[in-house]
Amino acid sequence: MHEFDYREEESRIFGKVLRPVIAAEVKSDKGEWQPFIAYIDSGADISIAPRSFGEALKLDLSQSLSEIKGVGDARVQISIHKVHMKINEKEIKVRLAIALIEKIPYLLGRADIFNSYAINFREKLGKIFFAEEK
């Protein structure tokens, strides 16, 4: 089992808030690992990152194009890729959506992640626990 800490951030509405954040890594096409610091979002269908992250991974952003909707029905164009992600030294293959815009947060979504790990949000402790599913 591995644990991650909630991160204290400023909210315009609530003041200081704690948000669940994970430090993972994603492998580029050249075999280099890139840090992937993301909010753990149980409401997100897929993990997502901004355009610059896809460019850093040297992904072809003109392929596997689709569109997702977020809060308030906002639509964002994405390019979906299968990548290797490392969480707590375990490497898994996941689908990662690269937004074709820059202004989007890094999110760790459910697809390919939540079926590989038992995830326990312990907000009172300020911790998120990841246990490998057997």
C-alpha atoms as a PDB file:
ATOM      1  CA  MET A   1       0.000   0.000   0.000  1.00  0.00           C
ATOM      2  CA  HIS A   2       1.160   3.498  -0.748  1.00  0.00           C
ATOM      3  CA  GLU A   3      -0.149   6.766   0.594  1.00  0.00           C
ATOM      4  CA  PHE A   4      -0.350  10.231  -0.864  1.00  0.00           C
ATOM      5  CA  ASP A   5      -1.041  13.467   0.968  1.00  0.00           C
ATOM      6  CA  TYR A   6      -3.847  15.874   0.333  1.00  0.00           C
ATOM      7  CA  ARG A   7      -2.503  19.261  -0.765  1.00  0.00           C
ATOM      8  CA  GLU A   8      -3.708  22.505   0.782  1.00  0.00           C
ATOM      9  CA  GLU A   9      -4.811  25.011  -1.837  1.00  0.00           C
ATOM     10  CA  GLU A  10      -6.719  28.252  -1.944  1.00  0.00           C
ATOM     11  CA  SER A  11     -10.350  28.246  -3.116  1.00  0.00           C
ATOM     12  CA  ARG A  12     -12.123  31.482  -4.046  1.00  0.00           C
ATOM     13  CA  ILE A  13     -15.297  30.114  -2.467  1.00  0.00           C
ATOM     14  CA  PHE A  14     -14.080  28.108   0.554  1.00  0.00           C
ATOM     15  CA  GLY A  15     -10.708  29.657   1.396  1.00  0.00           C
ATOM     16  CA  LYS A  16      -8.134  26.994   2.237  1.00  0.00           C
ATOM     17  CA  VAL A  17      -9.135  23.489   1.105  1.00  0.00           C
ATOM     18  CA  LEU A  18      -7.461  20.088   0.991  1.00  0.00           C
ATOM     19  CA  ARG A  19      -7.389  18.349  -2.402  1.00  0.00           C
ATOM     20  CA  PRO A  20      -6.388  14.728  -3.143  1.00  0.00           C
ATOM     21  CA  VAL A  21      -3.211  14.722  -5.231  1.00  0.00           C
ATOM     22  CA  ILE A  22      -1.071  11.892  -6.589  1.00  0.00           C
ATOM     23  CA  ALA A  23       2.529  11.869  -7.779  1.00  0.00           C
ATOM     24  CA  ALA A  24       2.854   9.361 -10.617  1.00  0.00           C
ATOM     25  CA  GLU A  25       4.941   9.085 -13.782  1.00  0.00           C
ATOM     26  CA  VAL A  26       4.119   8.538 -17.455  1.00  0.00           C
ATOM     27  CA  LYS A  27       6.557   7.051 -19.970  1.00  0.00           C
ATOM     28  CA  SER A  28       7.272   8.981 -23.157  1.00  0.00           C
ATOM     29  CA  ASP A  29       7.606   7.347 -26.569  1.00  0.00           C
ATOM     30  CA  LYS A  30      11.372   7.650 -26.063  1.00  0.00           C
ATOM     31  CA  GLY A  31      11.210   5.661 -22.808  1.00  0.00           C
ATOM     32  CA  GLU A  32      11.741   8.642 -20.511  1.00  0.00           C
ATOM     33  CA  TRP A  33       9.536   8.987 -17.433  1.00  0.00           C
ATOM     34  CA  GLN A  34       7.710  12.301 -17.024  1.00  0.00           C
ATOM     35  CA  PRO A  35       6.234  13.369 -13.651  1.00  0.00           C
ATOM     36  CA  PHE A  36       2.426  13.348 -13.565  1.00  0.00           C
ATOM     37  CA  ILE A  37       1.165  15.293 -10.546  1.00  0.00           C
ATOM     38  CA  ALA A  38      -2.636  15.162 -10.672  1.00  0.00           C
ATOM     39  CA  TYR A  39      -5.830  15.535  -8.710  1.00  0.00           C
ATOM     40  CA  ILE A  40      -7.396  12.143  -8.006  1.00  0.00           C
ATOM     41  CA  ASP A  41     -10.869  12.581  -9.446  1.00  0.00           C
ATOM     42  CA  SER A  42     -13.369   9.767  -8.872  1.00  0.00           C
ATOM     43  CA  GLY A  43     -15.834  11.701 -11.038  1.00  0.00           C
ATOM     44  CA  ALA A  44     -13.532  11.789 -14.073  1.00  0.00           C
ATOM     45  CA  ASP A  45     -14.045   8.978 -16.573  1.00  0.00           C
ATOM     46  CA  ILE A  46     -10.477   9.196 -17.907  1.00  0.00           C
ATOM     47  CA  SER A  47      -7.150  10.684 -16.853  1.00  0.00           C
ATOM     48  CA  ILE A  48      -6.370  13.946 -18.612  1.00  0.00           C
ATOM     49  CA  ALA A  49      -3.457  16.334 -19.064  1.00  0.00           C
ATOM     50  CA  PRO A  50      -2.900  19.602 -20.947  1.00  0.00           C
ATOM     51  CA  ARG A  51      -1.506  19.823 -24.474  1.00  0.00           C
ATOM     52  CA  SER A  52       2.062  20.622 -23.318  1.00  0.00           C
ATOM     53  CA  PHE A  53       2.230  17.298 -21.444  1.00  0.00           C
ATOM     54  CA  GLY A  54       1.303  15.381 -24.614  1.00  0.00           C
ATOM     55  CA  GLU A  55       3.929  17.341 -26.510  1.00  0.00           C
ATOM     56  CA  ALA A  56       6.539  16.521 -23.830  1.00  0.00           C
ATOM     57  CA  LEU A  57       5.662  12.841 -24.291  1.00  0.00           C
ATOM     58  CA  LYS A  58       6.075  13.282 -28.082  1.00  0.00           C
ATOM     59  CA  LEU A  59       2.536  12.001 -28.720  1.00  0.00           C
ATOM     60  CA  ASP A  60       0.798  12.522 -32.066  1.00  0.00           C
ATOM     61  CA  LEU A  61      -2.045  14.800 -31.016  1.00  0.00           C
ATOM     62  CA  SER A  62      -3.725  14.583 -34.417  1.00  0.00           C
ATOM     63  CA  GLN A  63      -4.892  11.006 -33.820  1.00  0.00           C
ATOM     64  CA  SER A  64      -7.728   9.415 -31.788  1.00  0.00           C
ATOM     65  CA  LEU A  65      -9.584  12.706 -31.552  1.00  0.00           C
ATOM     66  CA  SER A  66     -12.701  12.999 -29.454  1.00  0.00           C
ATOM     67  CA  GLU A  67     -14.506  15.470 -27.231  1.00  0.00           C
ATOM     68  CA  ILE A  68     -15.321  15.401 -23.539  1.00  0.00           C
ATOM     69  CA  LYS A  69     -17.748  17.439 -21.471  1.00  0.00           C
ATOM     70  CA  GLY A  70     -17.037  18.778 -18.041  1.00  0.00           C
ATOM     71  CA  VAL A  71     -18.697  20.967 -15.479  1.00  0.00           C
ATOM     72  CA  GLY A  72     -21.344  23.224 -16.949  1.00  0.00           C
ATOM     73  CA  ASP A  73     -21.320  21.230 -20.185  1.00  0.00           C
ATOM     74  CA  ALA A  74     -17.980  22.793 -21.212  1.00  0.00           C
ATOM     75  CA  ARG A  75     -16.558  20.833 -24.163  1.00  0.00           C
ATOM     76  CA  VAL A  76     -12.869  20.103 -24.695  1.00  0.00           C
ATOM     77  CA  GLN A  77     -11.226  18.451 -27.703  1.00  0.00           C
ATOM     78  CA  ILE A  78      -8.906  15.596 -26.720  1.00  0.00           C
ATOM     79  CA  SER A  79      -6.537  13.053 -28.236  1.00  0.00           C
ATOM     80  CA  ILE A  80      -6.619   9.662 -26.452  1.00  0.00           C
ATOM     81  CA  HIS A  81      -3.463   7.571 -26.051  1.00  0.00           C
ATOM     82  CA  LYS A  82      -2.444   4.316 -24.362  1.00  0.00           C
ATOM     83  CA  VAL A  83       0.553   5.060 -22.162  1.00  0.00           C
ATOM     84  CA  HIS A  84       2.539   3.407 -19.408  1.00  0.00           C
ATOM     85  CA  MET A  85       1.926   4.977 -16.006  1.00  0.00           C
ATOM     86  CA  LYS A  86       3.859   4.199 -12.862  1.00  0.00           C
ATOM     87  CA  ILE A  87       2.129   4.523  -9.498  1.00  0.00           C
ATOM     88  CA  ASN A  88       4.091   3.392  -6.474  1.00  0.00           C
ATOM     89  CA  GLU A  89       6.592   1.553  -8.707  1.00  0.00           C
ATOM     90  CA  LYS A  90       3.803  -0.501 -10.345  1.00  0.00           C
ATOM     91  CA  GLU A  91       3.631   0.087 -14.088  1.00  0.00           C
ATOM     92  CA  ILE A  92       0.233  -0.175 -15.760  1.00  0.00           C
ATOM     93  CA  LYS A  93      -1.059   0.655 -19.216  1.00  0.00           C
ATOM     94  CA  VAL A  94      -3.727   3.362 -19.118  1.00  0.00           C
ATOM     95  CA  ARG A  95      -5.721   5.528 -21.468  1.00  0.00           C
ATOM     96  CA  LEU A  96      -4.694   9.151 -21.165  1.00  0.00           C
ATOM     97  CA  ALA A  97      -6.617  12.011 -22.749  1.00  0.00           C
ATOM     98  CA  ILE A  98      -4.492  14.926 -23.865  1.00  0.00           C
ATOM     99  CA  ALA A  99      -6.514  18.115 -24.081  1.00  0.00           C
ATOM    100  CA  LEU A 100      -5.867  20.151 -27.193  1.00  0.00           C
ATOM    101  CA  ILE A 101      -5.852  23.216 -24.958  1.00  0.00           C
ATOM    102  CA  GLU A 102      -3.501  24.213 -22.177  1.00  0.00           C
ATOM    103  CA  LYS A 103      -5.898  25.485 -19.497  1.00  0.00           C
ATOM    104  CA  ILE A 104      -6.999  22.184 -17.985  1.00  0.00           C
ATOM    105  CA  PRO A 105      -5.912  20.542 -14.738  1.00  0.00           C
ATOM    106  CA  TYR A 106      -4.061  17.238 -14.558  1.00  0.00           C
ATOM    107  CA  LEU A 107      -6.619  14.638 -13.449  1.00  0.00           C
ATOM    108  CA  LEU A 108      -6.248  10.984 -12.544  1.00  0.00           C
ATOM    109  CA  GLY A 109      -9.571   9.481 -13.620  1.00  0.00           C
ATOM    110  CA  ARG A 110     -11.190   6.086 -13.158  1.00  0.00           C
ATOM    111  CA  ALA A 111     -10.465   4.336 -16.489  1.00  0.00           C
ATOM    112  CA  ASP A 112      -7.720   1.715 -16.132  1.00  0.00           C
ATOM    113  CA  ILE A 113      -6.745   3.064 -12.680  1.00  0.00           C
ATOM    114  CA  PHE A 114      -9.616   2.390 -10.302  1.00  0.00           C
ATOM    115  CA  ASN A 115      -9.806  -1.286 -11.331  1.00  0.00           C
ATOM    116  CA  SER A 116      -6.077  -1.746 -10.609  1.00  0.00           C
ATOM    117  CA  TYR A 117      -6.061  -0.159  -7.146  1.00  0.00           C
ATOM    118  CA  ALA A 118      -8.277  -0.021  -4.084  1.00  0.00           C
ATOM    119  CA  ILE A 119      -8.307   3.696  -3.341  1.00  0.00           C
ATOM    120  CA  ASN A 120      -9.259   4.961   0.082  1.00  0.00           C
ATOM    121  CA  PHE A 121      -9.807   8.704   0.535  1.00  0.00           C
ATOM    122  CA  ARG A 122      -9.229   9.660   4.196  1.00  0.00           C
ATOM    123  CA  GLU A 123      -9.862  13.380   4.135  1.00  0.00           C
ATOM    124  CA  LYS A 124      -9.868  13.695   7.921  1.00  0.00           C
ATOM    125  CA  LEU A 125      -6.294  12.330   7.937  1.00  0.00           C
ATOM    126  CA  GLY A 126      -5.317  14.264   4.811  1.00  0.00           C
ATOM    127  CA  LYS A 127      -4.264  10.989   3.126  1.00  0.00           C
ATOM    128  CA  ILE A 128      -5.183   8.851   0.129  1.00  0.00           C
ATOM    129  CA  PHE A 129      -4.239   5.182   0.309  1.00  0.00           C
ATOM    130  CA  PHE A 130      -3.546   3.147  -2.849  1.00  0.00           C
ATOM    131  CA  ALA A 131      -3.508  -0.636  -2.462  1.00  0.00           C
ATOM    132  CA  GLU A 132      -2.891  -2.893  -5.422  1.00  0.00           C
ATOM    133  CA  GLU A 133      -5.968  -4.928  -6.367  1.00  0.00           C
ATOM    134  CA  LYS A 134      -5.250  -8.647  -6.615  1.00  0.00           C
END
